[in-house]
Structure formats: structure tokens, C-alpha cells
Amino acid sequence: MEKTIKLQNDEEASLLFGRHDENLKLIEKEFSLDIIARGENLVLRGENTGIDLASKLFAEFVDVIRLGGHLQRRDLNYAIRALREDRSLGLHTIYLDRIDVMSKRQFITPKTKGQKEYVSAIRENDIVFSIGPAGTGKTYLAMAMAVSALKNQQVNRIILARPAVEAGESLGFLPGDLSAKINPYLRPLYDALYDMVDSEKIQKLLEKGVIEVAPLAYMRGRTLNDAFIILDEAQNTTSEQMKMFLTRLGFDSKVVVTGDVTQIDLPSSKVSGLIQVQKILKDIEGISFMHLNEHDVVRHELVQDIIRAYGRFKAGGKAV
């Protein structure tokens, strides 16, 4: 079978093909096709199934480019994976969902259907729980939405919290003063923050209290109004801590709680607040529970394979 795709101009072709035609080479390999570029035309040759998927992929990304979006090699990898799982998926509706941030990157976009639904849930609900494995963008997208809300004056401050619990260790046994003790636990939040706010702005916002990064214990007794509040690594909260945190919610505020229930570091005698809360709050309007999975992983391709292998091992299968 052969099919020709018409492009508008050389610039569009250049953006679509990638550097040294790397995008075309990847699509050829993934769909077992021969792709010939003839000026502004693409000729696809191969089996019907491969051509159909590749045509859908090209059409979606042409829409993204024509509407001002950008195509990176990693985006193409995610898109191929997504289309194989759901041919009806409108990729342009995902990649054109721009979240404004305060850095040279200007905006961040979801990369998968699950991430798109997660971002929409944050927009539509005051409390959102995001539960899933590493690499699914739980914290990163929550941070992006928080920075966007601050930039657009929807909130007056951002509050980022994490339980200081890692592999059963106690803060009291760690070296240094309190700041030195807690900073390692909060480092992942700072990493995401520095990716979305220019470095010269961050220190000023921290000094003014516009952005606050603190251990979960610091939330006790407070009422948080006009704030975007993120609780990260929530699988390591106890039931009591989860209740304490959620009841800090004040007027005109939004809460996002993220965690991976397969990586709980609490003592075996403690019940994870993130597991328990799903049963307690499941039917309350205005609260959304989002479950991301290996299909939403946007790290190295091997991360998805690792998650699947561990899942098979836990289920009694053979990890490969």
C-alpha cells in the first residue's frame, strides 16, 4: 500500500521531520514503513495497519505544528505509544493544552491521555488525589498548575509539603540543624520548582513567603486561604496526618495530593493515609481521584518496562 501526505511548506516539513530526519526514521522503524520525502510531500509505503497509524500520527502532529505547538523526539515516542493503545485518541488536544509557567520554557503540556485528564481534574476540582508509579508526572504537573495559578493571580501563594519519612528513618538521627535535616526530603519539590520558575525569581518568592516548602508537620494548626497546596509522597502519611492536612484547606484554595501506594515507607503497623482516604472520601463532590499507570510514564522507555515487570512479579508472574 502507498499513501501520500501533503505538507504546506518547507518549514512545516522541517519541524515534522526532525533534525537529520530523525522523526521519519523513528516512524519508519516503529511502523515497518518506507517513508520517502519528496519536497513537501511524504510518501508512505508498507502494510495497511502501519500506514493507517503513521497517517494518523502525521495528521495529529501537523495540527499541533500549525497551531503553534512544538514537536520533540520524546513527544513522538509518547505519541506512538498512545496511538497504539487508542487509535481514536486526539493527540493535538493533549499537546496543545498549555500550562503557563514562570520560566524561559513559558509553558508545559501533558504528554499522555491520563496526564491530560489529571490536569483537567485539577482545573475542575478543589481537591485532587493523583495516585500512580514513578515517572507519571504526578508532582511535576501539580507544580506546573500551581505556578500557573500564581502567575495568573488565581492564588496568592504556593505551599509545598512532604512527610519527612523515608525508609523508616527519623529526623532526629540525621546530622545537622533542622534545615539540614529536612532539605533532603524536600529536594524533589525544589527540583520541579526550578524547572518552572526562573532561578532569580525563586529566592525572592521564597523570602516573601509567596512560595513555601515545608515538612507536613508544619501544616498543623494552620488555615490556608488563597493558596495552591501540594502534598507530595502522600503514601507516607498516616491516617491522622492525612486528615490534619486536608482540613487545612481554606477559602479560594486548591489542594493536590500525590503518591505511589506501591512505595510506602511507613512502619508495617501504620496504615497509609493515602490508601485509607480513597475509601473515606470517594463519594464527595469536588474531590477527584486520578489513577495514573505505566502508560503515563514519561521518563526513559525502560521505566515503563520496569514498572510492568515489578507488577508481574508482585502478581506471581515471572519478572523479565
C-alpha atoms as a PDB file:
ATOM      1  CA  MET A   1       0.000   0.000   0.000  1.00  0.00           C
ATOM      2  CA  GLU A   2       1.128   3.554  -0.693  1.00  0.00           C
ATOM      3  CA  LYS A   3      -0.174   6.865   0.628  1.00  0.00           C
ATOM      4  CA  THR A   4       0.916  10.472   0.060  1.00  0.00           C
ATOM      5  CA  ILE A   5       0.677  13.182   2.727  1.00  0.00           C
ATOM      6  CA  LYS A   6       0.786  16.819   1.582  1.00  0.00           C
ATOM      7  CA  LEU A   7       2.521  19.426   3.732  1.00  0.00           C
ATOM      8  CA  GLN A   8       2.168  23.193   3.408  1.00  0.00           C
ATOM      9  CA  ASN A   9       5.784  24.363   3.207  1.00  0.00           C
ATOM     10  CA  ASP A  10       9.438  23.584   3.918  1.00  0.00           C
ATOM     11  CA  GLU A  11       9.265  24.962   7.469  1.00  0.00           C
ATOM     12  CA  GLU A  12       6.396  22.636   8.357  1.00  0.00           C
ATOM     13  CA  ALA A  13       8.268  19.720   6.817  1.00  0.00           C
ATOM     14  CA  SER A  14      11.428  20.572   8.774  1.00  0.00           C
ATOM     15  CA  LEU A  15       9.559  20.691  12.090  1.00  0.00           C
ATOM     16  CA  LEU A  16       7.804  17.421  11.349  1.00  0.00           C
ATOM     17  CA  PHE A  17      10.825  15.513  10.045  1.00  0.00           C
ATOM     18  CA  GLY A  18      13.148  16.480  12.914  1.00  0.00           C
ATOM     19  CA  ARG A  19      16.888  17.024  12.839  1.00  0.00           C
ATOM     20  CA  HIS A  20      18.506  14.887  10.136  1.00  0.00           C
ATOM     21  CA  ASP A  21      15.053  13.338   9.557  1.00  0.00           C
ATOM     22  CA  GLU A  22      15.243  11.566  12.938  1.00  0.00           C
ATOM     23  CA  ASN A  23      11.451  11.617  13.351  1.00  0.00           C
ATOM     24  CA  LEU A  24      10.898   9.949   9.981  1.00  0.00           C
ATOM     25  CA  LYS A  25      13.471   7.274  10.792  1.00  0.00           C
ATOM     26  CA  LEU A  26      11.782   6.525  14.107  1.00  0.00           C
ATOM     27  CA  ILE A  27       8.331   6.238  12.491  1.00  0.00           C
ATOM     28  CA  GLU A  28       9.734   4.005   9.742  1.00  0.00           C
ATOM     29  CA  LYS A  29      11.173   1.681  12.366  1.00  0.00           C
ATOM     30  CA  GLU A  30       8.132   1.649  14.666  1.00  0.00           C
ATOM     31  CA  PHE A  31       5.565   1.014  11.911  1.00  0.00           C
ATOM     32  CA  SER A  32       7.728  -1.040   9.494  1.00  0.00           C
ATOM     33  CA  LEU A  33       7.368   1.503   6.698  1.00  0.00           C
ATOM     34  CA  ASP A  34       9.388   3.123   3.954  1.00  0.00           C
ATOM     35  CA  ILE A  35       8.927   6.898   4.039  1.00  0.00           C
ATOM     36  CA  ILE A  36      10.116   8.990   1.095  1.00  0.00           C
ATOM     37  CA  ALA A  37      10.243  12.791   1.364  1.00  0.00           C
ATOM     38  CA  ARG A  38       9.630  14.491  -1.971  1.00  0.00           C
ATOM     39  CA  GLY A  39       9.709  18.213  -1.417  1.00  0.00           C
ATOM     40  CA  GLU A  40       6.588  18.995   0.604  1.00  0.00           C
ATOM     41  CA  ASN A  41       5.126  15.529   0.065  1.00  0.00           C
ATOM     42  CA  LEU A  42       5.565  12.404   2.177  1.00  0.00           C
ATOM     43  CA  VAL A  43       5.098   9.030   0.531  1.00  0.00           C
ATOM     44  CA  LEU A  44       4.364   6.148   2.901  1.00  0.00           C
ATOM     45  CA  ARG A  45       4.837   2.555   1.729  1.00  0.00           C
ATOM     46  CA  GLY A  46       4.066  -0.555   3.736  1.00  0.00           C
ATOM     47  CA  GLU A  47       1.293  -2.627   5.267  1.00  0.00           C
ATOM     48  CA  ASN A  48      -2.159  -1.081   5.721  1.00  0.00           C
ATOM     49  CA  THR A  49      -2.058  -1.098   9.537  1.00  0.00           C
ATOM     50  CA  GLY A  50       1.298   0.669   9.716  1.00  0.00           C
ATOM     51  CA  ILE A  51       0.282   3.256   7.132  1.00  0.00           C
ATOM     52  CA  ASP A  52      -3.014   3.945   8.911  1.00  0.00           C
ATOM     53  CA  LEU A  53      -1.280   4.547  12.252  1.00  0.00           C
ATOM     54  CA  ALA A  54       1.505   6.620  10.728  1.00  0.00           C
ATOM     55  CA  SER A  55      -1.004   8.730   8.773  1.00  0.00           C
ATOM     56  CA  LYS A  56      -2.957   9.383  11.961  1.00  0.00           C
ATOM     57  CA  LEU A  57       0.268  10.342  13.741  1.00  0.00           C
ATOM     58  CA  PHE A  58       1.365  12.731  10.991  1.00  0.00           C
ATOM     59  CA  ALA A  59      -2.091  14.336  10.791  1.00  0.00           C
ATOM     60  CA  GLU A  60      -2.192  14.932  14.548  1.00  0.00           C
ATOM     61  CA  PHE A  61       1.268  16.461  14.684  1.00  0.00           C
ATOM     62  CA  VAL A  62       0.647  18.626  11.627  1.00  0.00           C
ATOM     63  CA  ASP A  63      -2.303  20.071  13.568  1.00  0.00           C
ATOM     64  CA  VAL A  64      -0.018  20.688  16.554  1.00  0.00           C
ATOM     65  CA  ILE A  65       2.582  22.449  14.396  1.00  0.00           C
ATOM     66  CA  ARG A  66       0.020  24.581  12.543  1.00  0.00           C
ATOM     67  CA  LEU A  67      -1.457  25.717  15.846  1.00  0.00           C
ATOM     68  CA  GLY A  68       1.920  26.800  17.161  1.00  0.00           C
ATOM     69  CA  GLY A  69       2.989  23.696  19.036  1.00  0.00           C
ATOM     70  CA  HIS A  70       6.442  22.142  19.084  1.00  0.00           C
ATOM     71  CA  LEU A  71       7.444  18.552  18.393  1.00  0.00           C
ATOM     72  CA  GLN A  72      10.320  16.918  20.251  1.00  0.00           C
ATOM     73  CA  ARG A  73      11.700  13.419  19.758  1.00  0.00           C
ATOM     74  CA  ARG A  74      10.426  12.303  23.178  1.00  0.00           C
ATOM     75  CA  ASP A  75       6.934  13.632  22.336  1.00  0.00           C
ATOM     76  CA  LEU A  76       6.938  11.419  19.276  1.00  0.00           C
ATOM     77  CA  ASN A  77       7.804   8.369  21.383  1.00  0.00           C
ATOM     78  CA  TYR A  78       4.918   9.079  23.779  1.00  0.00           C
ATOM     79  CA  ALA A  79       2.546   9.696  20.866  1.00  0.00           C
ATOM     80  CA  ILE A  80       3.383   6.422  19.128  1.00  0.00           C
ATOM     81  CA  ARG A  81       2.789   4.524  22.353  1.00  0.00           C
ATOM     82  CA  ALA A  82      -0.500   6.347  22.973  1.00  0.00           C
ATOM     83  CA  LEU A  83      -1.830   5.746  19.451  1.00  0.00           C
ATOM     84  CA  ARG A  84      -1.087   2.048  19.627  1.00  0.00           C
ATOM     85  CA  GLU A  85      -3.185   1.858  22.790  1.00  0.00           C
ATOM     86  CA  ASP A  86      -6.037   4.051  21.500  1.00  0.00           C
ATOM     87  CA  ARG A  87      -6.325   4.883  17.793  1.00  0.00           C
ATOM     88  CA  SER A  88      -9.195   7.293  18.429  1.00  0.00           C
ATOM     89  CA  LEU A  89      -7.034   9.473  20.676  1.00  0.00           C
ATOM     90  CA  GLY A  90      -6.818  13.121  19.621  1.00  0.00           C
ATOM     91  CA  LEU A  91      -3.152  13.836  20.287  1.00  0.00           C
ATOM     92  CA  HIS A  92      -3.439  17.531  19.433  1.00  0.00           C
ATOM     93  CA  THR A  93      -5.912  18.012  22.306  1.00  0.00           C
ATOM     94  CA  ILE A  94      -3.177  16.758  24.671  1.00  0.00           C
ATOM     95  CA  TYR A  95      -0.128  18.549  23.288  1.00  0.00           C
ATOM     96  CA  LEU A  96      -1.902  21.870  22.834  1.00  0.00           C
ATOM     97  CA  ASP A  97      -3.075  22.010  26.462  1.00  0.00           C
ATOM     98  CA  ARG A  98      -0.558  24.602  27.628  1.00  0.00           C
ATOM     99  CA  ILE A  99       0.130  25.297  31.297  1.00  0.00           C
ATOM    100  CA  ASP A 100       1.757  28.725  31.719  1.00  0.00           C
ATOM    101  CA  VAL A 101       4.850  28.785  33.927  1.00  0.00           C
ATOM    102  CA  MET A 102       7.342  31.450  35.008  1.00  0.00           C
ATOM    103  CA  SER A 103      10.489  30.411  33.156  1.00  0.00           C
ATOM    104  CA  LYS A 104      12.013  30.573  29.694  1.00  0.00           C
ATOM    105  CA  ARG A 105      10.124  27.370  28.865  1.00  0.00           C
ATOM    106  CA  GLN A 106       6.937  29.523  29.017  1.00  0.00           C
ATOM    107  CA  PHE A 107       4.596  26.552  29.175  1.00  0.00           C
ATOM    108  CA  ILE A 108       4.354  22.853  29.973  1.00  0.00           C
ATOM    109  CA  THR A 109       1.991  20.354  28.368  1.00  0.00           C
ATOM    110  CA  PRO A 110       0.671  16.936  29.396  1.00  0.00           C
ATOM    111  CA  LYS A 111       2.104  14.070  27.386  1.00  0.00           C
ATOM    112  CA  THR A 112      -0.471  11.285  27.742  1.00  0.00           C
ATOM    113  CA  LYS A 113      -4.236  10.860  27.899  1.00  0.00           C
ATOM    114  CA  GLY A 114      -4.028  10.151  31.636  1.00  0.00           C
ATOM    115  CA  GLN A 115      -1.961  13.280  32.246  1.00  0.00           C
ATOM    116  CA  LYS A 116      -4.428  15.367  30.246  1.00  0.00           C
ATOM    117  CA  GLU A 117      -7.300  14.048  32.380  1.00  0.00           C
ATOM    118  CA  TYR A 118      -5.274  14.766  35.524  1.00  0.00           C
ATOM    119  CA  VAL A 119      -4.703  18.396  34.506  1.00  0.00           C
ATOM    120  CA  SER A 120      -8.413  18.784  33.694  1.00  0.00           C
ATOM    121  CA  ALA A 121      -9.339  17.326  37.094  1.00  0.00           C
ATOM    122  CA  ILE A 122      -7.168  19.925  38.842  1.00  0.00           C
ATOM    123  CA  ARG A 123      -8.905  22.695  36.937  1.00  0.00           C
ATOM    124  CA  GLU A 124     -12.368  21.373  37.808  1.00  0.00           C
ATOM    125  CA  ASN A 125     -11.971  20.296  41.458  1.00  0.00           C
ATOM    126  CA  ASP A 126     -10.753  21.852  44.705  1.00  0.00           C
ATOM    127  CA  ILE A 127      -9.114  18.632  45.924  1.00  0.00           C
ATOM    128  CA  VAL A 128      -7.416  16.143  43.604  1.00  0.00           C
ATOM    129  CA  PHE A 129      -5.594  12.944  44.532  1.00  0.00           C
ATOM    130  CA  SER A 130      -3.096  11.670  41.966  1.00  0.00           C
ATOM    131  CA  ILE A 131      -2.012   8.086  42.556  1.00  0.00           C
ATOM    132  CA  GLY A 132       0.461   6.251  40.364  1.00  0.00           C
ATOM    133  CA  PRO A 133       4.008   4.967  39.859  1.00  0.00           C
ATOM    134  CA  ALA A 134       7.206   6.932  39.404  1.00  0.00           C
ATOM    135  CA  GLY A 135       7.559   8.958  36.219  1.00  0.00           C
ATOM    136  CA  THR A 136       3.885   9.614  35.558  1.00  0.00           C
ATOM    137  CA  GLY A 137       4.139  13.371  36.187  1.00  0.00           C
ATOM    138  CA  LYS A 138       2.091  13.429  39.400  1.00  0.00           C
ATOM    139  CA  THR A 139       4.190  16.043  41.189  1.00  0.00           C
ATOM    140  CA  TYR A 140       5.546  17.777  38.104  1.00  0.00           C
ATOM    141  CA  LEU A 141       2.141  18.602  36.619  1.00  0.00           C
ATOM    142  CA  ALA A 142       0.755  19.606  40.023  1.00  0.00           C
ATOM    143  CA  MET A 143       3.675  22.016  40.376  1.00  0.00           C
ATOM    144  CA  ALA A 144       3.052  23.380  36.875  1.00  0.00           C
ATOM    145  CA  MET A 145      -0.612  24.016  37.701  1.00  0.00           C
ATOM    146  CA  ALA A 146       0.398  25.713  40.966  1.00  0.00           C
ATOM    147  CA  VAL A 147       2.879  28.028  39.234  1.00  0.00           C
ATOM    148  CA  SER A 148       0.302  28.796  36.532  1.00  0.00           C
ATOM    149  CA  ALA A 149      -2.317  29.664  39.167  1.00  0.00           C
ATOM    150  CA  LEU A 150       0.149  32.001  40.889  1.00  0.00           C
ATOM    151  CA  LYS A 151       1.189  33.627  37.621  1.00  0.00           C
ATOM    152  CA  ASN A 152      -2.439  34.223  36.635  1.00  0.00           C
ATOM    153  CA  GLN A 153      -3.292  35.597  40.119  1.00  0.00           C
ATOM    154  CA  GLN A 154      -5.738  32.816  40.882  1.00  0.00           C
ATOM    155  CA  VAL A 155      -3.932  32.252  44.194  1.00  0.00           C
ATOM    156  CA  ASN A 156      -1.624  34.392  46.343  1.00  0.00           C
ATOM    157  CA  ARG A 157       0.843  31.687  47.331  1.00  0.00           C
ATOM    158  CA  ILE A 158       2.041  28.145  46.772  1.00  0.00           C
ATOM    159  CA  ILE A 159       2.583  25.748  49.658  1.00  0.00           C
ATOM    160  CA  LEU A 160       4.514  22.530  49.064  1.00  0.00           C
ATOM    161  CA  ALA A 161       4.604  19.834  51.735  1.00  0.00           C
ATOM    162  CA  ARG A 162       6.081  16.375  52.155  1.00  0.00           C
ATOM    163  CA  PRO A 163       6.083  13.918  55.043  1.00  0.00           C
ATOM    164  CA  ALA A 164       9.622  13.542  56.392  1.00  0.00           C
ATOM    165  CA  VAL A 165       9.519   9.759  56.292  1.00  0.00           C
ATOM    166  CA  GLU A 166      11.980   7.733  54.239  1.00  0.00           C
ATOM    167  CA  ALA A 167      12.629   4.040  54.808  1.00  0.00           C
ATOM    168  CA  GLY A 168      11.649   4.325  58.462  1.00  0.00           C
ATOM    169  CA  GLU A 169      14.395   6.816  59.353  1.00  0.00           C
ATOM    170  CA  SER A 170      13.851   9.501  61.977  1.00  0.00           C
ATOM    171  CA  LEU A 171      14.875  13.130  61.520  1.00  0.00           C
ATOM    172  CA  GLY A 172      16.471  13.099  64.942  1.00  0.00           C
ATOM    173  CA  PHE A 173      19.162  10.676  63.802  1.00  0.00           C
ATOM    174  CA  LEU A 174      20.217  12.762  60.814  1.00  0.00           C
ATOM    175  CA  PRO A 175      23.184  15.178  61.091  1.00  0.00           C
ATOM    176  CA  GLY A 176      22.891  18.982  61.086  1.00  0.00           C
ATOM    177  CA  ASP A 177      20.341  21.570  62.203  1.00  0.00           C
ATOM    178  CA  LEU A 178      16.622  21.379  61.377  1.00  0.00           C
ATOM    179  CA  SER A 179      17.082  22.951  57.943  1.00  0.00           C
ATOM    180  CA  ALA A 180      19.815  20.460  57.045  1.00  0.00           C
ATOM    181  CA  LYS A 181      17.653  17.599  58.294  1.00  0.00           C
ATOM    182  CA  ILE A 182      14.568  18.414  56.241  1.00  0.00           C
ATOM    183  CA  ASN A 183      16.093  19.690  52.986  1.00  0.00           C
ATOM    184  CA  PRO A 184      16.872  16.211  51.562  1.00  0.00           C
ATOM    185  CA  TYR A 185      13.192  15.282  51.891  1.00  0.00           C
ATOM    186  CA  LEU A 186      12.087  18.442  50.101  1.00  0.00           C
ATOM    187  CA  ARG A 187      14.678  18.344  47.293  1.00  0.00           C
ATOM    188  CA  PRO A 188      12.337  16.778  44.675  1.00  0.00           C
ATOM    189  CA  LEU A 189       9.908  19.672  45.162  1.00  0.00           C
ATOM    190  CA  TYR A 190      12.690  22.217  44.674  1.00  0.00           C
ATOM    191  CA  ASP A 191      13.847  20.373  41.539  1.00  0.00           C
ATOM    192  CA  ALA A 192      10.407  20.689  39.929  1.00  0.00           C
ATOM    193  CA  LEU A 193      10.112  24.299  41.071  1.00  0.00           C
ATOM    194  CA  TYR A 194      13.431  25.325  39.493  1.00  0.00           C
ATOM    195  CA  ASP A 195      12.262  23.848  36.203  1.00  0.00           C
ATOM    196  CA  MET A 196       9.226  26.152  36.139  1.00  0.00           C
ATOM    197  CA  VAL A 197      10.338  29.419  37.729  1.00  0.00           C
ATOM    198  CA  ASP A 198      13.432  31.374  36.714  1.00  0.00           C
ATOM    199  CA  SER A 199      16.088  30.925  39.397  1.00  0.00           C
ATOM    200  CA  GLU A 200      16.390  34.643  40.150  1.00  0.00           C
ATOM    201  CA  LYS A 201      12.673  34.792  40.958  1.00  0.00           C
ATOM    202  CA  ILE A 202      12.565  31.750  43.209  1.00  0.00           C
ATOM    203  CA  GLN A 203      14.653  33.154  46.059  1.00  0.00           C
ATOM    204  CA  LYS A 204      12.559  36.343  46.166  1.00  0.00           C
ATOM    205  CA  LEU A 205       9.316  34.351  46.225  1.00  0.00           C
ATOM    206  CA  LEU A 206      10.668  32.103  48.983  1.00  0.00           C
ATOM    207  CA  GLU A 207      11.848  35.074  51.062  1.00  0.00           C
ATOM    208  CA  LYS A 208       8.449  36.772  50.764  1.00  0.00           C
ATOM    209  CA  GLY A 209       6.612  33.571  51.684  1.00  0.00           C
ATOM    210  CA  VAL A 210       4.820  33.510  48.336  1.00  0.00           C
ATOM    211  CA  ILE A 211       6.269  30.032  47.875  1.00  0.00           C
ATOM    212  CA  GLU A 212       6.698  27.881  50.965  1.00  0.00           C
ATOM    213  CA  VAL A 213       8.316  24.452  51.071  1.00  0.00           C
ATOM    214  CA  ALA A 214       7.950  22.633  54.371  1.00  0.00           C
ATOM    215  CA  PRO A 215       7.565  19.248  56.060  1.00  0.00           C
ATOM    216  CA  LEU A 216       4.000  18.084  56.561  1.00  0.00           C
ATOM    217  CA  ALA A 217       4.272  18.558  60.333  1.00  0.00           C
ATOM    218  CA  TYR A 218       4.477  22.335  59.773  1.00  0.00           C
ATOM    219  CA  MET A 219       0.903  22.353  58.446  1.00  0.00           C
ATOM    220  CA  ARG A 220      -0.690  21.561  61.804  1.00  0.00           C
ATOM    221  CA  GLY A 221      -2.905  24.301  63.244  1.00  0.00           C
ATOM    222  CA  ARG A 222      -2.973  26.433  60.092  1.00  0.00           C
ATOM    223  CA  THR A 223      -5.798  27.574  57.808  1.00  0.00           C
ATOM    224  CA  LEU A 224      -4.585  28.069  54.244  1.00  0.00           C
ATOM    225  CA  ASN A 225      -6.587  30.607  52.235  1.00  0.00           C
ATOM    226  CA  ASP A 226      -5.912  31.778  48.662  1.00  0.00           C
ATOM    227  CA  ALA A 227      -3.297  29.072  48.205  1.00  0.00           C
ATOM    228  CA  PHE A 228      -2.373  26.221  45.901  1.00  0.00           C
ATOM    229  CA  ILE A 229      -1.249  23.426  48.221  1.00  0.00           C
ATOM    230  CA  ILE A 230       0.586  20.275  47.132  1.00  0.00           C
ATOM    231  CA  LEU A 231       1.215  17.283  49.376  1.00  0.00           C
ATOM    232  CA  ASP A 232       3.819  15.043  47.767  1.00  0.00           C
ATOM    233  CA  GLU A 233       4.729  11.438  48.690  1.00  0.00           C
ATOM    234  CA  ALA A 234       1.391  11.145  50.475  1.00  0.00           C
ATOM    235  CA  GLN A 235       1.634   7.363  50.683  1.00  0.00           C
ATOM    236  CA  ASN A 236       3.898   8.025  53.682  1.00  0.00           C
ATOM    237  CA  THR A 237       1.243   9.893  55.663  1.00  0.00           C
ATOM    238  CA  THR A 238      -0.662   8.229  58.459  1.00  0.00           C
ATOM    239  CA  SER A 239      -4.426   8.417  58.615  1.00  0.00           C
ATOM    240  CA  GLU A 240      -4.195  11.165  61.247  1.00  0.00           C
ATOM    241  CA  GLN A 241      -1.737  13.205  59.174  1.00  0.00           C
ATOM    242  CA  MET A 242      -3.904  12.973  56.072  1.00  0.00           C
ATOM    243  CA  LYS A 243      -6.951  14.217  57.950  1.00  0.00           C
ATOM    244  CA  MET A 244      -4.907  17.024  59.506  1.00  0.00           C
ATOM    245  CA  PHE A 245      -3.597  18.112  56.107  1.00  0.00           C
ATOM    246  CA  LEU A 246      -6.920  18.051  54.260  1.00  0.00           C
ATOM    247  CA  THR A 247      -8.636  20.080  56.967  1.00  0.00           C
ATOM    248  CA  ARG A 248      -6.118  22.918  56.439  1.00  0.00           C
ATOM    249  CA  LEU A 249      -7.992  23.851  53.246  1.00  0.00           C
ATOM    250  CA  GLY A 250      -9.234  27.437  53.387  1.00  0.00           C
ATOM    251  CA  PHE A 251     -11.274  29.681  51.110  1.00  0.00           C
ATOM    252  CA  ASP A 252     -10.259  30.078  47.448  1.00  0.00           C
ATOM    253  CA  SER A 253      -7.630  27.354  47.783  1.00  0.00           C
ATOM    254  CA  LYS A 254      -6.859  24.201  45.854  1.00  0.00           C
ATOM    255  CA  VAL A 255      -5.182  21.009  47.074  1.00  0.00           C
ATOM    256  CA  VAL A 256      -3.366  18.327  45.082  1.00  0.00           C
ATOM    257  CA  VAL A 257      -2.209  15.179  46.884  1.00  0.00           C
ATOM    258  CA  THR A 258       0.236  12.879  45.082  1.00  0.00           C
ATOM    259  CA  GLY A 259       1.656   9.479  45.931  1.00  0.00           C
ATOM    260  CA  ASP A 260       2.607   5.962  44.903  1.00  0.00           C
ATOM    261  CA  VAL A 261       0.924   3.311  47.046  1.00  0.00           C
ATOM    262  CA  THR A 262       3.463   0.687  45.915  1.00  0.00           C
ATOM    263  CA  GLN A 263       6.281   2.553  47.686  1.00  0.00           C
ATOM    264  CA  ILE A 264       5.149   3.009  51.276  1.00  0.00           C
ATOM    265  CA  ASP A 265       7.935   3.586  53.838  1.00  0.00           C
ATOM    266  CA  LEU A 266       5.742   3.658  56.941  1.00  0.00           C
ATOM    267  CA  PRO A 267       6.212   1.033  59.662  1.00  0.00           C
ATOM    268  CA  SER A 268       4.121  -2.070  58.981  1.00  0.00           C
ATOM    269  CA  SER A 269       1.895  -1.227  61.957  1.00  0.00           C
ATOM    270  CA  LYS A 270       0.788   2.040  60.309  1.00  0.00           C
ATOM    271  CA  VAL A 271      -1.936   2.342  57.670  1.00  0.00           C
ATOM    272  CA  SER A 272      -1.155   4.680  54.776  1.00  0.00           C
ATOM    273  CA  GLY A 273      -3.436   7.700  54.830  1.00  0.00           C
ATOM    274  CA  LEU A 274      -3.411   7.729  51.020  1.00  0.00           C
ATOM    275  CA  ILE A 275      -4.845   4.218  50.844  1.00  0.00           C
ATOM    276  CA  GLN A 276      -7.447   4.850  53.512  1.00  0.00           C
ATOM    277  CA  VAL A 277      -8.615   8.208  52.173  1.00  0.00           C
ATOM    278  CA  GLN A 278      -9.730   6.636  48.893  1.00  0.00           C
ATOM    279  CA  LYS A 279     -12.433   4.747  50.785  1.00  0.00           C
ATOM    280  CA  ILE A 280     -13.408   7.611  53.075  1.00  0.00           C
ATOM    281  CA  LEU A 281     -13.780  10.443  50.515  1.00  0.00           C
ATOM    282  CA  LYS A 282     -14.652   8.576  47.318  1.00  0.00           C
ATOM    283  CA  ASP A 283     -18.211   9.912  47.019  1.00  0.00           C
ATOM    284  CA  ILE A 284     -17.688  13.579  47.901  1.00  0.00           C
ATOM    285  CA  GLU A 285     -18.382  16.079  45.130  1.00  0.00           C
ATOM    286  CA  GLY A 286     -15.474  18.409  44.413  1.00  0.00           C
ATOM    287  CA  ILE A 287     -12.900  15.729  45.238  1.00  0.00           C
ATOM    288  CA  SER A 288     -11.362  13.760  42.372  1.00  0.00           C
ATOM    289  CA  PHE A 289      -9.191  10.634  42.470  1.00  0.00           C
ATOM    290  CA  MET A 290      -6.928  10.199  39.443  1.00  0.00           C
ATOM    291  CA  HIS A 291      -5.110   6.895  38.901  1.00  0.00           C
ATOM    292  CA  LEU A 292      -2.123   7.071  36.566  1.00  0.00           C
ATOM    293  CA  ASN A 293      -0.313   3.932  35.390  1.00  0.00           C
ATOM    294  CA  GLU A 294       2.651   2.743  33.343  1.00  0.00           C
ATOM    295  CA  HIS A 295       1.029   4.116  30.173  1.00  0.00           C
ATOM    296  CA  ASP A 296       1.521   7.612  31.613  1.00  0.00           C
ATOM    297  CA  VAL A 297       5.230   7.225  32.335  1.00  0.00           C
ATOM    298  CA  VAL A 298       7.187   9.953  30.548  1.00  0.00           C
ATOM    299  CA  ARG A 299      10.689   9.053  31.628  1.00  0.00           C
ATOM    300  CA  HIS A 300      13.079   6.745  29.795  1.00  0.00           C
ATOM    301  CA  GLU A 301      11.235   3.979  27.929  1.00  0.00           C
ATOM    302  CA  LEU A 302      12.787   1.385  30.232  1.00  0.00           C
ATOM    303  CA  VAL A 303      10.950   2.852  33.237  1.00  0.00           C
ATOM    304  CA  GLN A 304       7.650   1.646  31.793  1.00  0.00           C
ATOM    305  CA  ASP A 305       9.112  -1.828  31.285  1.00  0.00           C
ATOM    306  CA  ILE A 306      10.461  -1.854  34.847  1.00  0.00           C
ATOM    307  CA  ILE A 307       7.060  -0.946  36.306  1.00  0.00           C
ATOM    308  CA  ARG A 308       5.357  -3.694  34.294  1.00  0.00           C
ATOM    309  CA  ALA A 309       7.967  -6.266  35.346  1.00  0.00           C
ATOM    310  CA  TYR A 310       7.534  -5.451  39.021  1.00  0.00           C
ATOM    311  CA  GLY A 311       3.763  -5.633  38.572  1.00  0.00           C
ATOM    312  CA  ARG A 312       4.041  -9.134  37.097  1.00  0.00           C
ATOM    313  CA  PHE A 313       6.401 -10.190  39.865  1.00  0.00           C
ATOM    314  CA  LYS A 314       4.023  -8.944  42.571  1.00  0.00           C
ATOM    315  CA  ALA A 315       1.106 -10.716  40.899  1.00  0.00           C
ATOM    316  CA  GLY A 316       3.013 -14.001  40.992  1.00  0.00           C
ATOM    317  CA  GLY A 317       4.287 -13.939  37.425  1.00  0.00           C
ATOM    318  CA  LYS A 318       7.841 -14.010  36.234  1.00  0.00           C
ATOM    319  CA  ALA A 319       9.621 -10.655  36.006  1.00  0.00           C
ATOM    320  CA  VAL A 320      11.642 -10.338  32.839  1.00  0.00           C
END
